[in-house]
Amino acid sequence: MAFTGFPRDAMGFWHELALQMSREWFAEHKARYEESWVAPMDALMANVRARLVSVYAPMKIGEPNTMRIYRDVRFSKDKTPYKTHIASVIRPAGKPAAKIGTAVLYLHLGLEEEYVGVGSYQFDPAKLAKWRKLVAGKGGEEIQKLIEKLRKAGYDVHSFEQYKKVPTGFAADHPRAELLTYKGLTCGFPEIPRGLITKPKFADWVFEHAKATAPLVIWLHRNLG
């Protein structure tokens, strides 16, 4: 299926779902959800992935994984059954579709926000130890330069969570002290131009930014696994 854009009226589904938020309503409108959001998302991510294969070679990338709309409410006080967004991710080949990992591409569309980016939301303990060792040593100069280059190009490179202080064992005045406090490393794309998601060229926009930010993902994959 070729990507032709998300329907112009697709966002209305999320507004209605937020108001209804019942299993009966969703069952009645599930086909609409799959037609308006799931099918276009799958087509978009497949399109972009096919073009990213050569960008990442010889590193291999996996197939896109569009996440379920159902919320995990087992340990949450909020028992709302459905998300009001759709998200899809492409990871390095062989990596499980887990929350903790590196994303070749992550795309999130819905009521709360629109977000497209790459990187690692949160390092697991082993990767965090590797990250600190690399950042503190000469290897840290490479990733610092890469981060600065991407920031100058308009990308939002940061850690969603970070420690308040430099971890014990590292100098508080280390030249890369900020990076030592990071719990992950992500790179957000610029804001999606208004109305672009409804057009076929949205796939080109996503691909060009994914291509530009690929060096950061490759560095993470090569150095942290």
Protein backbone atom coordinates (compact mmCIF):
# COMPACT_ATOMS: atom_id res chain seq x y z
CA MET A 1 0.00 0.00 0.00
CA ALA A 2 1.44 3.38 -1.02
CA PHE A 3 1.40 6.21 1.48
CA THR A 4 -0.98 8.92 0.28
CA GLY A 5 -1.29 10.84 3.54
CA PHE A 6 -3.53 10.57 6.58
CA PRO A 7 -7.16 11.56 5.88
CA ARG A 8 -7.88 15.25 6.46
CA ASP A 9 -10.64 14.40 8.92
CA ALA A 10 -8.66 11.67 10.72
CA MET A 11 -7.99 13.77 13.83
CA GLY A 12 -11.71 13.83 14.54
CA PHE A 13 -11.48 10.17 15.53
CA TRP A 14 -9.25 11.01 18.51
CA HIS A 15 -11.53 13.79 19.70
CA GLU A 16 -14.55 11.48 19.57
CA LEU A 17 -12.69 8.64 21.27
CA ALA A 18 -11.59 10.98 24.09
CA LEU A 19 -15.23 11.94 24.69
CA GLN A 20 -16.69 8.43 24.43
CA MET A 21 -13.86 6.26 25.78
CA SER A 22 -15.95 3.09 25.88
CA ARG A 23 -15.30 -0.38 24.53
CA GLU A 24 -18.69 -0.40 22.86
CA TRP A 25 -17.96 2.83 20.97
CA PHE A 26 -14.51 1.67 19.92
CA ALA A 27 -15.81 -1.68 18.67
CA GLU A 28 -18.27 0.19 16.47
CA HIS A 29 -15.56 2.50 15.12
CA LYS A 30 -12.57 0.13 15.03
CA ALA A 31 -12.67 -0.19 11.23
CA ARG A 32 -12.56 3.59 10.96
CA TYR A 33 -9.51 3.70 13.24
CA GLU A 34 -7.69 1.08 11.21
CA GLU A 35 -8.51 2.80 7.92
CA SER A 36 -7.74 6.35 9.07
CA TRP A 37 -4.68 5.69 11.22
CA VAL A 38 -3.26 2.16 11.21
CA ALA A 39 -3.17 1.57 7.44
CA PRO A 40 -1.60 4.98 6.62
CA MET A 41 0.90 4.65 9.47
CA ASP A 42 1.97 1.19 8.31
CA ALA A 43 2.32 2.44 4.74
CA LEU A 44 4.31 5.50 5.83
CA MET A 45 6.74 3.57 8.01
CA ALA A 46 7.22 0.86 5.36
CA ASN A 47 7.98 3.55 2.79
CA VAL A 48 10.55 5.27 5.00
CA ARG A 49 12.13 2.01 6.16
CA ALA A 50 12.69 0.85 2.58
CA ARG A 51 14.69 4.01 1.90
CA LEU A 52 16.61 3.87 5.18
CA VAL A 53 18.01 0.39 4.51
CA SER A 54 20.82 1.77 2.33
CA VAL A 55 21.45 4.66 4.75
CA TYR A 56 22.13 2.23 7.60
CA ALA A 57 24.02 -0.46 5.65
CA PRO A 58 25.80 -2.59 6.73
CA MET A 59 23.82 -2.18 9.95
CA LYS A 60 20.45 -3.88 9.52
CA ILE A 61 17.16 -2.39 10.62
CA GLY A 62 13.98 -4.20 11.60
CA GLU A 63 10.44 -3.96 10.33
CA PRO A 64 8.16 -1.18 11.63
CA ASN A 65 6.08 -1.94 14.71
CA THR A 66 2.86 0.04 15.12
CA MET A 67 1.85 -0.03 18.77
CA ARG A 68 -1.50 -1.13 20.11
CA ILE A 69 -4.15 1.42 20.98
CA TYR A 70 -5.04 -0.41 24.19
CA ARG A 71 -3.57 1.03 27.40
CA ASP A 72 -1.96 -1.21 30.01
CA VAL A 73 -4.07 -0.32 33.04
CA ARG A 74 -2.97 -3.14 35.35
CA PHE A 75 -0.88 -0.91 37.62
CA SER A 76 -2.46 2.45 36.85
CA LYS A 77 -5.10 4.40 38.73
CA ASP A 78 -6.24 5.73 35.37
CA LYS A 79 -8.37 2.93 33.91
CA THR A 80 -9.00 4.71 30.60
CA PRO A 81 -8.92 1.80 28.13
CA TYR A 82 -7.53 3.53 25.03
CA LYS A 83 -4.69 5.79 24.03
CA THR A 84 -5.59 8.95 22.14
CA HIS A 85 -2.63 8.68 19.80
CA ILE A 86 -0.94 6.23 17.45
CA ALA A 87 2.77 5.46 17.56
CA SER A 88 5.11 3.35 15.48
CA VAL A 89 8.80 2.51 15.80
CA ILE A 90 11.62 1.04 13.73
CA ARG A 91 14.49 -0.50 15.68
CA PRO A 92 17.79 -2.12 14.74
CA ALA A 93 17.19 -5.66 13.46
CA GLY A 94 16.88 -8.27 16.18
CA LYS A 95 15.98 -5.80 18.92
CA PRO A 96 12.72 -6.47 20.81
CA ALA A 97 9.89 -3.95 20.70
CA ALA A 98 10.57 -2.86 24.27
CA LYS A 99 10.33 0.58 25.83
CA ILE A 100 14.04 0.57 26.56
CA GLY A 101 16.04 0.44 23.34
CA THR A 102 17.31 2.44 20.41
CA ALA A 103 14.90 3.71 17.77
CA VAL A 104 15.94 4.19 14.16
CA LEU A 105 12.68 6.11 13.91
CA TYR A 106 9.80 6.84 16.30
CA LEU A 107 6.61 8.54 15.12
CA HIS A 108 3.80 9.66 17.43
CA LEU A 109 0.60 11.37 16.25
CA GLY A 110 -2.57 12.20 18.18
CA LEU A 111 -4.26 14.58 20.59
CA GLU A 112 -1.47 15.15 23.11
CA GLU A 113 1.36 15.92 20.72
CA GLU A 114 3.06 15.19 17.43
CA TYR A 115 6.58 13.86 17.80
CA VAL A 116 9.11 12.34 15.42
CA GLY A 117 12.60 11.38 16.47
CA VAL A 118 15.33 8.82 16.98
CA GLY A 119 17.58 7.54 19.76
CA SER A 120 17.33 5.87 23.16
CA TYR A 121 14.59 7.04 25.52
CA GLN A 122 16.31 5.40 28.50
CA PHE A 123 19.54 3.41 28.80
CA ASP A 124 19.35 0.12 30.67
CA PRO A 125 21.93 -0.23 33.49
CA ALA A 126 24.56 -1.91 31.28
CA LYS A 127 24.24 0.70 28.54
CA LEU A 128 24.25 3.53 31.07
CA ALA A 129 27.60 2.31 32.44
CA LYS A 130 29.03 2.12 28.91
CA TRP A 131 27.67 5.57 28.10
CA ARG A 132 29.34 7.19 31.09
CA LYS A 133 32.67 5.50 30.42
CA LEU A 134 32.66 6.59 26.78
CA VAL A 135 31.49 10.14 27.51
CA ALA A 136 34.12 10.61 30.20
CA GLY A 137 36.94 9.38 27.93
CA LYS A 138 38.22 10.45 24.53
CA GLY A 139 35.31 8.66 22.86
CA GLY A 140 33.05 11.33 24.32
CA GLU A 141 34.49 13.96 22.01
CA GLU A 142 32.93 12.23 18.99
CA ILE A 143 29.40 12.13 20.36
CA GLN A 144 29.72 15.70 21.71
CA LYS A 145 30.62 16.98 18.24
CA LEU A 146 27.79 14.98 16.68
CA ILE A 147 25.29 16.39 19.18
CA GLU A 148 26.47 19.95 18.59
CA LYS A 149 26.22 19.49 14.81
CA LEU A 150 22.65 18.21 15.05
CA ARG A 151 21.61 20.99 17.43
CA LYS A 152 23.00 23.61 15.04
CA ALA A 153 20.94 21.98 12.28
CA GLY A 154 17.77 22.51 14.35
CA TYR A 155 17.35 19.15 16.06
CA ASP A 156 16.41 18.80 19.72
CA VAL A 157 19.08 16.49 21.15
CA HIS A 158 18.66 15.78 24.86
CA SER A 159 17.76 13.26 27.54
CA PHE A 160 14.13 13.08 28.62
CA GLU A 161 15.39 12.40 32.14
CA GLN A 162 18.71 13.23 33.72
CA TYR A 163 20.39 13.26 37.11
CA LYS A 164 20.65 16.56 38.97
CA LYS A 165 24.35 16.06 39.61
CA VAL A 166 27.27 14.41 37.85
CA PRO A 167 27.41 10.76 39.02
CA THR A 168 29.84 9.75 41.75
CA GLY A 169 33.26 8.90 40.37
CA PHE A 170 33.30 11.66 37.75
CA ALA A 171 34.58 15.21 38.14
CA ALA A 172 31.80 17.76 38.64
CA ASP A 173 33.62 20.13 36.28
CA HIS A 174 34.15 17.53 33.55
CA PRO A 175 33.93 19.20 30.09
CA ARG A 176 31.06 16.84 29.24
CA ALA A 177 29.39 17.00 32.65
CA GLU A 178 25.95 17.56 31.12
CA LEU A 179 26.17 14.34 29.08
CA LEU A 180 27.26 12.40 32.17
CA THR A 181 23.92 13.26 33.81
CA TYR A 182 21.90 11.87 30.90
CA LYS A 183 19.77 8.74 31.38
CA GLY A 184 19.21 8.39 27.63
CA LEU A 185 19.85 10.23 24.38
CA THR A 186 17.15 11.23 21.91
CA CYS A 187 17.00 13.51 18.89
CA GLY A 188 13.67 15.13 18.08
CA PHE A 189 12.89 16.33 14.57
CA PRO A 190 11.67 19.89 13.90
CA GLU A 191 7.96 20.59 14.30
CA ILE A 192 5.89 18.94 11.59
CA PRO A 193 4.68 21.61 9.14
CA ARG A 194 0.96 22.30 9.45
CA GLY A 195 -1.14 19.98 7.30
CA LEU A 196 1.81 17.95 6.03
CA ILE A 197 0.65 14.64 7.52
CA THR A 198 -2.28 14.63 5.06
CA LYS A 199 0.05 14.72 2.05
CA PRO A 200 2.19 12.02 0.36
CA LYS A 201 5.30 14.18 0.75
CA PHE A 202 5.12 13.70 4.53
CA ALA A 203 7.03 10.46 3.88
CA ASP A 204 9.81 12.47 2.19
CA TRP A 205 9.98 14.86 5.16
CA VAL A 206 10.28 11.98 7.64
CA PHE A 207 12.89 10.21 5.54
CA GLU A 208 15.11 13.27 5.08
CA HIS A 209 15.20 13.93 8.82
CA ALA A 210 15.71 10.25 9.63
CA LYS A 211 18.63 10.21 7.19
CA ALA A 212 20.16 13.34 8.72
CA THR A 213 19.96 11.92 12.25
CA ALA A 214 21.12 8.40 11.36
CA PRO A 215 24.73 9.06 12.51
CA LEU A 216 23.50 9.46 16.11
CA VAL A 217 21.62 6.15 15.99
CA ILE A 218 24.58 4.39 14.39
CA TRP A 219 26.87 5.73 17.12
CA LEU A 220 24.55 4.47 19.84
CA HIS A 221 24.21 1.07 18.19
CA ARG A 222 27.95 0.71 17.55
CA ASN A 223 29.04 1.82 21.01
CA LEU A 224 26.24 0.72 23.33
CA GLY A 225 24.73 -2.21 21.44
